[in-house]
């Protein structure tokens, strides 16, 4: 299928599939570790790269490739490589693109484990990272060095849903011979397509909204063909952080309903955000769909929807936040997000628990902050469940 000939929903359902000789209607799961060859010469040609075809499921599997082709089509990218997790995607990207002496400029407002990777582990290999304010373009400009290779960000950010101007940062990256990497986890291609705004590479945690039902762990990288299918593919082939065929099939099925789910998540989230904004115990609400949010217009200009994550601050610090969380009966107390089931967590002690107190303070992750990833239950039931703790 040509990516420019069909609408988004059609790509989500039809793209990527290549039927086997059995002519199956639904995509098949190829649960095999290896593939056989017609003869020794063909085996040699496959291993040498002289002939296309499957070799070993660590790096070539038809089910995984179907997921990769579909996600690439939905993001408007040339190529995609699937990984064992979102963090495997980011780590593989760094191994493929960076060398000792290189430098990253990253937003401070990223997933806590990504911060740990950049701040603790990459320096062991001579790779430094400067952390900047996501929304401060001057901060980005001043932090770029001659050896900077990547600008990295999440938009909307985790957990405060801050918005970066992707076009501005793409222009800045290209002016300085850098590549802009966008973690598109919160929006997915249903609500935001960073490549259309000038970004070079997209990373995903397929664990979140791409699957959408909390069933699997996976990740993906979308970008230009030579980089993805040569450099990053080489890393995956050699180091092994590959997505399993079963997980690829589950994520592939998740993509079919992605558009419907993301708009439903967004609708529920904005209703919850408006309820929280009016509640006397809530000091501040973070959601880009609120007209009172200073980044509302920017979010509207580069997103197709506002997403399903709402964070809010209550007075009384950790004790108060924990009491509200523990008062819920319907919501799931878990740090995962992107599920049809609404989840609630305390970022300062979970997703960002290993981040330094100084960095948490600089990124606004206080002890009174609660993050809700709004699911697809009845919004009245979600509101009532949160009100139980807030009203108490």
Foldseek 3Di string as FASTA:
>chain_A
DDLPPDDLLCLLQPALDDDDPVRDPAHDQDQDFADDDPDPVVLVCPVVVVDDDTGGVLQDDSLLRSLFGSLLSLLVFDTKAKFQALVRAVVLLCVLFDAAPAEEEEELQAWQVVVCCQPPPVVVRNYHYDYAHQADVVRVLVPDDLRYAEYEYEALGPPQNDGHLLLSVLVSQVVNNYAYEYADAQARSLWFRSVVSRHAKYKYFLCAQLLAANDHTMMMMGGHDCSVVPRSSVSSVVVRRHHHSVVSSSSSVSSSCSNVFFVLLQVLQVVLQVVLVPQPQWDDKRWLCDPPPPCVVVSVVGTNGGGNKMKTFGPDFQVLQVQLQVQFDQEDDDPGHRYLGKHKYQCCCPRNVVPDPVSCVVNVRTRRMMMIRGHNDPSVSVNVRSCRSSVD
